[in-house]
Protein backbone atom coordinates (compact mmCIF):
# COMPACT_ATOMS: atom_id res chain seq x y z
CA UNK A 1 -18.66 43.70 -94.63
CA UNK A 2 -15.33 42.58 -93.21
CA UNK A 3 -15.38 39.97 -90.48
CA UNK A 4 -12.86 39.97 -87.65
CA UNK A 5 -9.71 37.90 -87.69
CA UNK A 6 -8.88 35.73 -84.68
CA UNK A 7 -6.38 38.32 -83.46
CA UNK A 8 -8.88 41.16 -83.81
CA UNK A 9 -11.48 39.13 -81.90
CA UNK A 10 -8.99 38.46 -79.11
CA UNK A 11 -8.14 42.17 -78.91
CA UNK A 12 -11.82 43.11 -78.83
CA UNK A 13 -12.45 40.66 -76.00
CA UNK A 14 -9.50 42.10 -74.10
CA UNK A 15 -10.85 45.66 -74.51
CA UNK A 16 -14.28 44.46 -73.36
CA UNK A 17 -12.91 43.40 -69.96
CA UNK A 18 -14.41 45.74 -67.39
CA UNK A 19 -14.01 46.63 -63.72
CA UNK A 20 -17.56 45.56 -62.89
CA UNK A 21 -18.45 41.88 -63.05
CA UNK A 22 -21.94 42.68 -64.34
CA UNK A 23 -20.49 44.49 -67.37
CA UNK A 24 -18.08 41.62 -67.97
CA UNK A 25 -20.93 39.11 -67.96
CA UNK A 26 -23.09 41.13 -70.34
CA UNK A 27 -20.25 41.92 -72.74
CA UNK A 28 -18.93 38.34 -72.70
CA UNK A 29 -22.40 36.97 -73.44
CA UNK A 30 -22.74 39.46 -76.30
CA UNK A 31 -19.35 38.54 -77.77
CA UNK A 32 -20.01 34.82 -77.36
CA UNK A 33 -23.17 35.28 -79.43
CA UNK A 34 -22.15 37.86 -82.02
CA UNK A 35 -18.38 38.20 -82.32
CA UNK A 36 -18.06 36.03 -85.42
CA UNK A 37 -20.53 38.25 -87.28
CA UNK A 38 -19.40 41.71 -86.13
CA UNK A 39 -18.64 44.10 -88.96
CA UNK A 40 -16.17 46.97 -88.97
CA UNK A 41 -19.07 49.32 -88.19
CA UNK A 42 -20.06 47.15 -85.22
CA UNK A 43 -16.49 47.07 -83.91
CA UNK A 44 -16.19 50.85 -84.21
CA UNK A 45 -19.46 51.34 -82.34
CA UNK A 46 -18.50 48.82 -79.68
CA UNK A 47 -15.08 50.41 -79.27
CA UNK A 48 -16.71 53.78 -78.64
CA UNK A 49 -19.20 52.24 -76.22
CA UNK A 50 -16.37 50.64 -74.28
CA UNK A 51 -14.95 54.10 -73.60
CA UNK A 52 -17.85 54.76 -71.21
CA UNK A 53 -17.26 54.73 -67.48
CA UNK A 54 -18.11 51.33 -65.95
CA UNK A 55 -21.02 52.59 -63.86
CA UNK A 56 -22.50 54.62 -66.71
CA UNK A 57 -22.16 51.62 -69.04
CA UNK A 58 -23.91 49.34 -66.58
CA UNK A 59 -26.76 51.85 -66.19
CA UNK A 60 -27.21 51.92 -69.96
CA UNK A 61 -27.02 48.13 -70.32
CA UNK A 62 -29.61 47.68 -67.56
CA UNK A 63 -31.81 50.39 -69.15
CA UNK A 64 -31.58 52.62 -66.07
CA UNK A 65 -30.42 55.50 -68.28
CA UNK A 66 -30.33 56.28 -71.98
CA UNK A 67 -27.31 56.82 -74.20
CA UNK A 68 -26.30 60.46 -74.47
CA UNK A 69 -23.93 62.66 -76.44
CA UNK A 70 -21.31 60.93 -78.57
CA UNK A 71 -22.63 57.53 -77.44
CA UNK A 72 -26.15 58.12 -78.76
CA UNK A 73 -25.74 56.76 -82.29
CA UNK A 74 -27.91 54.31 -84.23
CA UNK A 75 -25.12 51.71 -84.29
CA UNK A 76 -24.45 51.90 -80.56
CA UNK A 77 -28.19 51.83 -79.78
CA UNK A 78 -28.50 48.68 -81.92
CA UNK A 79 -25.63 46.96 -80.09
CA UNK A 80 -26.99 47.96 -76.67
CA UNK A 81 -30.42 46.59 -77.63
CA UNK A 82 -28.80 43.30 -78.67
CA UNK A 83 -26.95 43.15 -75.33
CA UNK A 84 -30.11 43.87 -73.38
CA UNK A 85 -31.98 41.04 -75.12
CA UNK A 86 -29.43 38.39 -74.16
């Protein structure tokens, strides 16, 4: 389990910046809570999740819709559940 360096954490936070304020708030809260313990697997899952369209991501984070296709993986589901609990 490799933990993120300061530079990697900064890059992850930059990639997590979104066009919708709601997504920004949820992702920032998640990173504030978990970023120091994210593993390489977590970062890979989060990176894939961040490829979602802003509106689709918000719908998933607010449990309006479920993850589908390439995004429906155990690791991404785990991260989304953690985000929804915050």
